[in-house]
Amino acid sequence: MENLLIGRKEEQRILQQALASKEAEMVAIIGRRRVGKTFLVNEVYKDQIAYEVTGIQNAPRSEQISNFVYHINRRLKAPLHIPLPSNWLNAFMLLISYLEQPGQAGKKVVFFDELSWLATTNSGFLRALGFFWNSWAVKQNVVVVICGSAASWMIKKVVNNRGGLHNRITKRIFLQPFNLSETEEYLRSRKLRFERQAIAEIYMAMGGIPHYLKEIETGKSAVQNIDHICFSQNGLLKEEFSRLYSSLFAHPERHLAIIRALAGTRQGMTRKKVVETAKLAEGGNTSQVLQELEQSGFISSYFPFGKKKKDMLYRLTDEYSLFYLQFIERNKQEGPGTWQHLSQTQPYKIWSGYAFENICLKHIPQIKKALGIAGIYSTTSTFYKKGTGSQKGTQIDLLIDRNDRVINVFEIKFRRTELTITAAYAKALREKLRVFQETTKTRKYLMLSLISASGLKHNMHSLGLIEKVLTLDDLFDRPV
């Protein structure tokens, strides 16, 4: 059967390696909602899955067990007519009896999807899963796949489990959204051939989430598709925001407060500033909530150049969340043509600049390849110096600090046409370099570099100033 997977080469390798192993394997797959975890497992293991069950959101233990047994019966030629197990231990004993029946050749795959929904509070599911693995599965020719969208729950309860599952996971996959290259490949597989600027704008609105990208239709422009998916009455992403966080976190109020706080800043926030802006109680579980958001892929943390851990900045990097808070939430009732109008406004220009920066920060391997420094050790950071009464503040979008005594100082611009450096802009760029060098006291060579979606129109002001120019095409390249 044809492999329908786009990208995911390393993830496929890990899954195939588990299948080829002569030992029992437990594979944990973690990734945000709609990122394609279930599709990955079903595509790679389509002929080996002996049992598969998906948890039911917000269902009590009795319903989860009923669902669990139903999926055993579905695979039996002669369904079991027995009383429903009263607890998870008995349910897993039933599963063992089913799996021991002869029939399937080769290594069997047992797939538990949306584990956090199966393992309801105090239900005993994880203990029973530990029993299943330790007393039976570990001695069998089997791959047990456990999958979950609640990344923080999976890490805390399963990966770092201190009970029967302690150190039992043999392989881990943290499934990420598509990058730009994979997004382009996915759209082409669906007979959608947008030019790269249009793909970038779609990506900035909904990210590389396959389930979201599946909504894009042929015969519509990027603007029309965004308008339909995000602003029409039946558009998938019009109300997705309210479902997204509640499906991942039991009490999402603090998570949402932080997301809303970070949506209002471009340079990121320290933990202290997050607490203040989100109006959170100091000393609560803010650090845990930040960690959960980062593990789930909604925010990212960065160290400003030369700073220490206490100066870490948090930044909202989930494309859809940012787009929702900037545009969808306040324009839900505007009707057809909403995005056609909004994409011509000043708020669009501000948002697109920030969203494009986020894309660049997620494509550092591609940027390093384009610079020809993929083999050179380097670190990435940002720089921000607050203005004073006599001096303007200075912000540098991206720094790549290299071991060969060079620092690439990046200016990042999203434009639909070539960027032109004016005399005033050139002066401002030189001032950025001066402030950075004076503030940091670095003795490395500063190489002013530009990432411009549509390239640079060279003139007398750019010559001798901009040393490296990267375009959108470089971000679409595959990393080394």
Protein backbone atom coordinates (compact mmCIF):
# COMPACT_ATOMS: atom_id res chain seq x y z
CA MET A 1 0.00 0.00 0.00
CA GLU A 2 1.23 3.51 -0.81
CA ASN A 3 2.82 5.44 2.06
CA LEU A 4 0.78 8.63 2.43
CA LEU A 5 3.06 10.20 5.04
CA ILE A 6 4.62 13.58 4.36
CA GLY A 7 8.03 14.05 6.00
CA ARG A 8 8.31 12.32 9.40
CA LYS A 9 11.43 10.42 8.19
CA GLU A 10 13.09 10.20 11.60
CA GLU A 11 9.82 9.28 13.29
CA GLN A 12 9.20 6.50 10.75
CA ARG A 13 12.73 5.21 11.33
CA ILE A 14 12.14 4.99 15.09
CA LEU A 15 8.84 3.14 14.66
CA GLN A 16 10.32 0.70 12.13
CA GLN A 17 13.29 0.13 14.43
CA ALA A 18 10.90 -0.81 17.25
CA LEU A 19 9.11 -3.23 14.91
CA ALA A 20 12.39 -4.87 13.84
CA SER A 21 13.68 -5.21 17.40
CA LYS A 22 13.94 -8.69 18.88
CA GLU A 23 12.67 -7.35 22.20
CA ALA A 24 9.39 -5.91 23.40
CA GLU A 25 9.23 -2.15 22.89
CA MET A 26 7.16 0.61 24.49
CA VAL A 27 7.01 3.71 22.32
CA ALA A 28 5.66 7.03 23.66
CA ILE A 29 4.47 9.53 21.03
CA ILE A 30 3.80 13.04 22.27
CA GLY A 31 2.50 15.94 20.23
CA ARG A 32 -0.15 18.60 20.28
CA ARG A 33 -3.74 18.07 19.18
CA ARG A 34 -4.27 17.63 15.43
CA VAL A 35 -0.54 17.24 14.63
CA GLY A 36 -0.93 13.77 13.08
CA LYS A 37 0.12 11.29 15.78
CA THR A 38 -2.64 8.76 15.09
CA PHE A 39 -2.13 9.00 11.33
CA LEU A 40 1.60 8.36 11.76
CA VAL A 41 1.05 5.19 13.79
CA ASN A 42 -1.69 3.86 11.52
CA GLU A 43 0.37 4.46 8.38
CA VAL A 44 3.59 2.89 9.65
CA TYR A 45 1.94 0.00 11.51
CA LYS A 46 -1.18 -0.49 9.39
CA ASP A 47 -0.56 -4.24 8.89
CA GLN A 48 0.71 -4.99 12.41
CA ILE A 49 -1.87 -3.38 14.71
CA ALA A 50 -3.49 -6.17 16.73
CA TYR A 51 -5.43 -3.89 19.06
CA GLU A 52 -6.19 -0.18 19.08
CA VAL A 53 -8.29 1.98 21.40
CA THR A 54 -8.72 5.74 21.76
CA GLY A 55 -9.76 7.36 25.03
CA ILE A 56 -13.02 9.29 25.25
CA GLN A 57 -12.68 12.87 26.45
CA ASN A 58 -14.27 13.58 29.85
CA ALA A 59 -15.81 10.10 30.11
CA PRO A 60 -15.89 8.23 33.47
CA ARG A 61 -13.99 4.98 34.06
CA SER A 62 -17.00 2.76 33.35
CA GLU A 63 -17.44 4.25 29.87
CA GLN A 64 -13.70 4.04 29.15
CA ILE A 65 -13.67 0.33 30.10
CA SER A 66 -16.77 -0.30 27.99
CA ASN A 67 -15.03 1.36 25.03
CA PHE A 68 -11.87 -0.69 25.74
CA VAL A 69 -13.77 -4.01 25.68
CA TYR A 70 -15.80 -2.97 22.62
CA HIS A 71 -12.58 -2.66 20.62
CA ILE A 72 -11.53 -6.15 21.70
CA ASN A 73 -14.87 -7.54 20.55
CA ARG A 74 -14.59 -5.74 17.20
CA ARG A 75 -11.47 -7.74 16.41
CA LEU A 76 -12.87 -11.10 17.52
CA LYS A 77 -14.68 -13.36 15.06
CA ALA A 78 -16.84 -14.56 17.94
CA PRO A 79 -17.53 -11.61 20.28
CA LEU A 80 -17.24 -12.19 24.02
CA HIS A 81 -20.49 -12.30 25.92
CA ILE A 82 -19.21 -11.65 29.43
CA PRO A 83 -19.94 -9.13 32.18
CA LEU A 84 -18.13 -5.85 31.73
CA PRO A 85 -14.88 -5.80 33.79
CA SER A 86 -15.31 -3.84 37.01
CA ASN A 87 -11.79 -2.38 36.95
CA TRP A 88 -8.84 -1.76 34.64
CA LEU A 89 -6.82 -4.71 35.92
CA ASN A 90 -9.52 -7.14 34.78
CA ALA A 91 -9.88 -5.27 31.49
CA PHE A 92 -6.16 -5.70 30.77
CA MET A 93 -6.37 -9.40 31.71
CA LEU A 94 -9.09 -9.68 29.07
CA LEU A 95 -6.80 -7.93 26.56
CA ILE A 96 -3.99 -10.39 27.34
CA SER A 97 -6.33 -13.34 26.72
CA TYR A 98 -7.30 -11.86 23.35
CA LEU A 99 -3.70 -11.11 22.29
CA GLU A 100 -2.58 -14.66 23.16
CA GLN A 101 -4.94 -16.12 20.58
CA PRO A 102 -3.10 -17.44 17.48
CA GLY A 103 -3.62 -15.77 14.13
CA GLN A 104 -1.49 -12.72 13.38
CA ALA A 105 2.00 -13.43 12.06
CA GLY A 106 4.96 -11.28 13.02
CA LYS A 107 5.29 -8.68 15.72
CA LYS A 108 2.04 -7.36 17.16
CA VAL A 109 1.36 -3.67 17.81
CA VAL A 110 -0.92 -2.59 20.66
CA PHE A 111 -1.92 1.06 20.34
CA PHE A 112 -3.38 3.18 23.17
CA ASP A 113 -4.36 6.60 21.81
CA GLU A 114 -5.20 9.72 23.88
CA LEU A 115 -3.84 8.06 27.00
CA SER A 116 -4.69 10.95 29.31
CA TRP A 117 -8.39 10.49 28.48
CA LEU A 118 -8.20 6.76 29.23
CA ALA A 119 -6.33 7.26 32.51
CA THR A 120 -8.93 9.31 34.37
CA THR A 121 -8.10 10.50 37.90
CA ASN A 122 -7.84 7.66 40.44
CA SER A 123 -9.08 5.15 37.86
CA GLY A 124 -6.16 2.75 38.24
CA PHE A 125 -5.47 2.70 34.50
CA LEU A 126 -1.73 3.45 34.74
CA ARG A 127 -1.25 0.78 37.41
CA ALA A 128 -3.04 -1.71 35.19
CA LEU A 129 -0.97 -0.64 32.18
CA GLY A 130 2.14 -1.21 34.30
CA PHE A 131 0.84 -4.69 35.16
CA PHE A 132 0.14 -5.40 31.48
CA TRP A 133 3.69 -4.42 30.49
CA ASN A 134 5.63 -5.97 33.39
CA SER A 135 3.75 -9.26 33.71
CA TRP A 136 3.01 -9.99 30.04
CA ALA A 137 4.06 -7.60 27.25
CA VAL A 138 7.75 -7.36 28.17
CA LYS A 139 8.09 -11.11 27.50
CA GLN A 140 6.27 -11.00 24.15
CA ASN A 141 7.06 -10.10 20.55
CA VAL A 142 5.08 -6.87 20.82
CA VAL A 143 5.27 -3.09 20.37
CA VAL A 144 3.12 -1.10 22.80
CA VAL A 145 2.46 2.42 21.51
CA ILE A 146 1.13 5.03 23.92
CA CYS A 147 0.07 8.33 22.48
CA GLY A 148 -1.18 11.61 23.92
CA SER A 149 -1.91 15.22 23.03
CA ALA A 150 -1.52 16.48 26.60
CA ALA A 151 2.27 16.70 26.41
CA SER A 152 2.84 17.83 29.98
CA TRP A 153 0.59 15.03 31.32
CA MET A 154 2.39 12.42 29.21
CA ILE A 155 5.80 13.57 30.42
CA LYS A 156 4.79 13.79 34.08
CA LYS A 157 2.58 10.71 34.36
CA VAL A 158 4.18 8.34 31.87
CA VAL A 159 7.69 9.34 30.78
CA ASN A 160 8.66 10.26 34.37
CA ASN A 161 6.39 7.66 36.02
CA ARG A 162 7.64 6.44 39.41
CA GLY A 163 5.39 3.40 39.60
CA GLY A 164 5.09 0.30 37.43
CA LEU A 165 5.94 2.22 34.26
CA HIS A 166 9.19 3.66 35.66
CA ASN A 167 11.90 3.52 32.96
CA ARG A 168 9.74 1.22 30.82
CA ILE A 169 9.54 3.48 27.76
CA THR A 170 12.14 2.33 25.24
CA LYS A 171 11.60 4.95 22.53
CA ARG A 172 10.16 8.48 22.49
CA ILE A 173 8.84 10.61 19.66
CA PHE A 174 7.98 14.29 20.10
CA LEU A 175 5.95 14.93 16.95
CA GLN A 176 6.27 18.49 15.67
CA PRO A 177 4.07 20.42 13.22
CA PHE A 178 5.18 20.49 9.59
CA ASN A 179 7.91 22.95 8.65
CA LEU A 180 7.50 25.09 5.52
CA SER A 181 8.97 22.48 3.19
CA GLU A 182 6.68 19.75 4.55
CA THR A 183 3.70 22.10 4.36
CA GLU A 184 4.43 22.74 0.70
CA GLU A 185 4.78 19.00 0.05
CA TYR A 186 1.53 18.30 1.90
CA LEU A 187 -0.40 20.90 -0.09
CA ARG A 188 1.00 19.59 -3.37
CA SER A 189 -0.06 16.06 -2.39
CA ARG A 190 -3.58 17.49 -2.25
CA LYS A 191 -3.21 19.12 -5.70
CA LEU A 192 -2.84 22.60 -4.17
CA ARG A 193 -0.07 24.57 -5.87
CA PHE A 194 0.30 27.92 -4.12
CA GLU A 195 3.36 30.08 -4.61
CA ARG A 196 5.60 30.23 -1.56
CA GLN A 197 4.57 33.67 -0.37
CA ALA A 198 0.97 32.43 -0.16
CA ILE A 199 2.06 29.26 1.69
CA ALA A 200 3.97 31.41 4.17
CA GLU A 201 0.87 33.53 4.83
CA ILE A 202 -1.25 30.40 5.35
CA TYR A 203 1.44 29.03 7.68
CA MET A 204 1.52 32.27 9.68
CA ALA A 205 -2.23 31.97 10.27
CA MET A 206 -2.57 28.28 11.14
CA GLY A 207 0.93 26.83 11.45
CA GLY A 208 2.00 23.44 10.14
CA ILE A 209 -0.88 21.47 11.67
CA PRO A 210 -2.00 18.84 9.10
CA HIS A 211 -5.62 18.78 10.29
CA TYR A 212 -5.88 22.53 9.77
CA LEU A 213 -4.12 22.47 6.40
CA LYS A 214 -6.55 19.76 5.24
CA GLU A 215 -9.28 22.41 5.19
CA ILE A 216 -7.60 24.34 2.36
CA GLU A 217 -9.54 24.06 -0.91
CA THR A 218 -8.57 24.25 -4.56
CA GLY A 219 -9.97 27.10 -6.61
CA LYS A 220 -9.49 29.60 -3.77
CA SER A 221 -6.61 31.98 -3.12
CA ALA A 222 -4.69 31.93 0.16
CA VAL A 223 -6.68 34.97 1.32
CA GLN A 224 -9.99 33.31 0.42
CA ASN A 225 -9.02 30.09 2.20
CA ILE A 226 -7.99 31.91 5.38
CA ASP A 227 -11.21 33.91 5.21
CA HIS A 228 -13.33 30.75 4.92
CA ILE A 229 -11.46 28.58 7.45
CA CYS A 230 -11.08 31.27 10.12
CA PHE A 231 -14.00 33.67 9.70
CA SER A 232 -16.93 31.87 8.03
CA GLN A 233 -19.78 30.59 10.17
CA ASN A 234 -18.75 26.95 9.71
CA GLY A 235 -15.01 27.49 9.48
CA LEU A 236 -12.96 24.94 11.44
CA LEU A 237 -10.73 27.52 13.11
CA LYS A 238 -13.36 30.07 14.03
CA GLU A 239 -14.03 28.32 17.37
CA GLU A 240 -11.02 25.98 17.62
CA PHE A 241 -9.29 28.18 20.21
CA SER A 242 -11.92 27.49 22.88
CA ARG A 243 -11.62 23.74 22.31
CA LEU A 244 -7.86 23.58 21.96
CA TYR A 245 -6.72 24.44 25.49
CA SER A 246 -9.62 22.79 27.32
CA SER A 247 -8.83 19.51 25.53
CA LEU A 248 -5.21 19.57 26.75
CA PHE A 249 -5.39 21.03 30.25
CA ALA A 250 -7.84 20.12 33.02
CA HIS A 251 -7.96 23.72 34.29
CA PRO A 252 -6.81 25.93 31.40
CA GLU A 253 -7.60 29.35 32.92
CA ARG A 254 -3.98 30.13 33.88
CA HIS A 255 -2.69 28.76 30.59
CA LEU A 256 -5.03 31.04 28.66
CA ALA A 257 -4.12 34.06 30.81
CA ILE A 258 -0.45 33.54 29.93
CA ILE A 259 -1.19 33.03 26.24
CA ARG A 260 -3.19 36.27 26.15
CA ALA A 261 -0.43 38.14 27.98
CA LEU A 262 2.28 36.94 25.59
CA ALA A 263 0.14 37.77 22.54
CA GLY A 264 0.55 41.45 23.37
CA THR A 265 4.34 41.64 23.18
CA ARG A 266 6.88 41.23 20.41
CA GLN A 267 10.12 40.88 22.36
CA GLY A 268 8.82 38.27 24.82
CA MET A 269 8.41 38.43 28.60
CA THR A 270 10.33 37.31 31.64
CA ARG A 271 8.53 35.08 34.12
CA LYS A 272 8.11 38.07 36.43
CA LYS A 273 6.53 40.13 33.66
CA VAL A 274 4.24 37.24 32.69
CA VAL A 275 2.94 37.01 36.27
CA GLU A 276 2.35 40.76 36.37
CA THR A 277 0.68 41.08 32.94
CA ALA A 278 -1.47 37.95 33.25
CA LYS A 279 -2.49 39.02 36.77
CA LEU A 280 -1.43 35.70 38.30
CA ALA A 281 -0.81 35.07 41.97
CA GLU A 282 2.94 35.15 42.71
CA GLY A 283 4.32 31.89 44.06
CA GLY A 284 1.58 29.75 42.50
CA ASN A 285 2.27 27.13 39.89
CA THR A 286 3.24 29.63 37.19
CA SER A 287 6.51 27.87 36.41
CA GLN A 288 4.65 24.60 35.92
CA VAL A 289 2.07 26.21 33.65
CA LEU A 290 4.83 27.83 31.56
CA GLN A 291 6.55 24.46 31.29
CA GLU A 292 3.30 22.78 30.23
CA LEU A 293 2.69 25.39 27.54
CA GLU A 294 6.23 25.02 26.25
CA GLN A 295 6.10 21.22 26.26
CA SER A 296 2.83 21.41 24.34
CA GLY A 297 4.39 23.65 21.68
CA PHE A 298 2.45 26.86 22.32
CA ILE A 299 5.27 29.01 23.66
CA SER A 300 9.07 29.00 23.39
CA SER A 301 11.74 30.21 25.77
CA TYR A 302 14.85 32.14 24.71
CA PHE A 303 17.89 33.55 26.42
CA PRO A 304 18.68 37.12 25.42
CA PHE A 305 22.29 37.46 24.30
CA GLY A 306 24.68 37.14 27.24
CA LYS A 307 21.92 36.81 29.83
CA LYS A 308 21.38 34.20 32.54
CA LYS A 309 18.48 31.90 33.42
CA LYS A 310 16.57 34.51 35.42
CA ASP A 311 16.44 36.68 32.29
CA MET A 312 14.84 33.97 30.13
CA LEU A 313 12.14 35.31 27.83
CA TYR A 314 8.92 33.53 26.92
CA ARG A 315 7.35 34.13 23.54
CA LEU A 316 4.04 33.01 22.01
CA THR A 317 5.05 30.92 18.99
CA ASP A 318 1.86 28.99 18.21
CA GLU A 319 0.74 30.55 14.94
CA TYR A 320 -2.96 29.83 15.29
CA SER A 321 -3.24 31.14 18.86
CA LEU A 322 -1.56 34.41 17.88
CA PHE A 323 -3.73 34.77 14.77
CA TYR A 324 -6.91 34.01 16.73
CA LEU A 325 -6.20 36.61 19.41
CA GLN A 326 -5.08 39.24 16.91
CA PHE A 327 -7.88 38.86 14.37
CA ILE A 328 -10.48 36.08 14.73
CA GLU A 329 -11.70 36.78 18.26
CA ARG A 330 -12.61 40.40 17.62
CA ASN A 331 -13.97 39.91 14.07
CA LYS A 332 -16.17 36.81 14.38
CA GLN A 333 -19.33 38.57 13.29
CA GLU A 334 -17.96 40.46 10.30
CA GLY A 335 -18.92 37.87 7.67
CA PRO A 336 -17.49 37.07 4.21
CA GLY A 337 -14.48 39.08 3.04
CA THR A 338 -13.21 39.79 6.56
CA TRP A 339 -9.64 38.67 5.90
CA GLN A 340 -9.60 40.34 2.48
CA HIS A 341 -10.12 43.61 4.35
CA LEU A 342 -7.93 42.91 7.40
CA SER A 343 -4.95 41.86 5.27
CA GLN A 344 -4.71 45.42 3.94
CA THR A 345 -4.54 47.12 7.34
CA GLN A 346 -1.74 48.29 9.64
CA PRO A 347 -2.48 45.59 12.26
CA TYR A 348 -1.80 43.04 9.52
CA LYS A 349 1.65 44.53 8.90
CA ILE A 350 2.49 44.40 12.62
CA TRP A 351 1.21 40.84 13.00
CA SER A 352 2.90 39.56 9.83
CA GLY A 353 6.26 40.90 10.99
CA TYR A 354 6.00 39.11 14.33
CA ALA A 355 4.60 35.91 12.79
CA PHE A 356 7.39 35.84 10.20
CA GLU A 357 9.98 36.22 12.97
CA ASN A 358 8.44 33.17 14.66
CA ILE A 359 8.75 31.21 11.41
CA CYS A 360 12.43 32.15 11.14
CA LEU A 361 13.08 31.09 14.75
CA LYS A 362 11.56 27.69 13.93
CA HIS A 363 13.75 27.27 10.83
CA ILE A 364 17.22 27.85 12.29
CA PRO A 365 18.66 24.69 10.61
CA GLN A 366 17.52 26.00 7.22
CA ILE A 367 19.01 29.43 7.97
CA LYS A 368 22.35 27.91 9.00
CA LYS A 369 22.40 25.80 5.84
CA ALA A 370 21.76 28.87 3.68
CA LEU A 371 24.62 30.68 5.43
CA GLY A 372 26.93 27.72 4.83
CA ILE A 373 27.55 27.26 8.58
CA ALA A 374 25.59 24.05 9.26
CA GLY A 375 28.79 22.38 10.47
CA ILE A 376 29.88 25.20 12.75
CA TYR A 377 28.78 25.12 16.39
CA SER A 378 26.63 28.12 17.20
CA THR A 379 23.97 29.38 19.59
CA THR A 380 20.92 31.48 18.82
CA SER A 381 19.50 34.34 20.86
CA THR A 382 17.84 37.74 20.62
CA PHE A 383 18.83 41.16 21.93
CA TYR A 384 16.79 43.93 23.46
CA LYS A 385 17.95 47.12 25.11
CA LYS A 386 15.34 49.33 26.68
CA GLY A 387 15.38 52.94 25.60
CA THR A 388 16.22 55.83 27.90
CA GLY A 389 15.30 59.48 27.85
CA SER A 390 18.23 60.25 25.55
CA GLN A 391 18.46 57.03 23.51
CA LYS A 392 15.96 54.89 21.64
CA GLY A 393 15.54 51.24 22.52
CA THR A 394 17.21 48.64 20.30
CA GLN A 395 15.87 45.22 19.33
CA ILE A 396 17.62 42.55 17.27
CA ASP A 397 15.33 39.81 16.01
CA LEU A 398 17.89 37.02 15.81
CA LEU A 399 21.56 36.47 16.58
CA ILE A 400 23.61 33.44 15.58
CA ASP A 401 26.76 33.41 17.69
CA ARG A 402 29.31 31.21 15.93
CA ASN A 403 32.42 29.41 17.14
CA ASP A 404 34.45 30.92 14.27
CA ARG A 405 34.32 34.33 16.00
CA VAL A 406 31.48 35.72 13.89
CA ILE A 407 28.01 36.78 14.99
CA ASN A 408 25.29 36.98 12.35
CA VAL A 409 23.09 39.90 13.34
CA PHE A 410 19.73 39.48 11.62
CA GLU A 411 17.11 41.90 10.48
CA ILE A 412 13.88 40.06 9.60
CA LYS A 413 11.27 41.62 7.31
CA PHE A 414 8.09 40.22 5.77
CA ARG A 415 7.28 42.08 2.59
CA ARG A 416 5.30 41.15 -0.50
CA THR A 417 7.85 43.01 -2.63
CA GLU A 418 11.62 43.47 -2.49
CA LEU A 419 12.88 45.41 0.51
CA THR A 420 14.59 48.73 -0.17
CA ILE A 421 17.15 50.15 2.26
CA THR A 422 16.73 53.92 2.58
CA ALA A 423 19.35 56.29 3.99
CA ALA A 424 17.40 56.55 7.26
CA TYR A 425 16.99 52.77 7.52
CA ALA A 426 20.71 52.24 6.87
CA LYS A 427 21.54 54.71 9.63
CA ALA A 428 19.22 52.88 12.04
CA LEU A 429 20.84 49.54 11.21
CA ARG A 430 24.34 50.91 11.85
CA GLU A 431 23.09 52.30 15.15
CA LYS A 432 21.80 48.82 16.10
CA LEU A 433 25.23 47.33 15.49
CA ARG A 434 26.89 50.09 17.51
CA VAL A 435 24.56 49.72 20.50
CA PHE A 436 24.90 45.93 20.47
CA GLN A 437 28.69 46.07 20.34
CA GLU A 438 28.95 48.72 23.06
CA THR A 439 26.46 46.97 25.34
CA THR A 440 27.82 43.43 25.01
CA LYS A 441 31.53 44.35 24.63
CA THR A 442 31.83 41.55 22.09
CA ARG A 443 35.01 41.40 20.05
CA LYS A 444 33.56 39.07 17.44
CA TYR A 445 32.94 40.25 13.89
CA LEU A 446 29.33 41.40 13.43
CA MET A 447 27.92 40.28 10.07
CA LEU A 448 24.70 42.15 9.33
CA SER A 449 22.34 39.68 7.68
CA LEU A 450 18.84 40.07 6.28
CA ILE A 451 15.96 37.62 5.98
CA SER A 452 13.47 39.24 3.63
CA ALA A 453 10.56 37.20 2.29
CA SER A 454 10.87 38.78 -1.16
CA GLY A 455 14.58 39.58 -1.16
CA LEU A 456 16.48 42.87 -1.23
CA LYS A 457 16.67 45.55 -3.90
CA HIS A 458 20.35 46.48 -3.78
CA ASN A 459 21.25 50.15 -3.83
CA MET A 460 23.95 52.49 -2.53
CA HIS A 461 22.62 52.21 1.03
CA SER A 462 22.68 48.41 1.18
CA LEU A 463 26.13 47.97 -0.37
CA GLY A 464 28.80 47.49 2.28
CA LEU A 465 26.13 47.18 4.97
CA ILE A 466 24.03 44.04 4.34
CA GLU A 467 26.48 41.15 3.94
CA LYS A 468 24.10 38.20 3.71
CA VAL A 469 20.60 38.11 2.23
CA LEU A 470 18.25 35.17 2.74
CA THR A 471 14.80 34.86 1.19
CA LEU A 472 11.68 32.78 1.72
CA ASP A 473 13.11 30.12 -0.60
CA ASP A 474 15.93 29.49 1.88
CA LEU A 475 13.40 28.75 4.63
CA PHE A 476 11.65 26.23 2.37
CA ASP A 477 14.89 24.31 1.85
CA ARG A 478 15.46 21.02 3.65
CA PRO A 479 18.04 21.24 6.46
CA VAL A 480 21.26 19.23 6.30
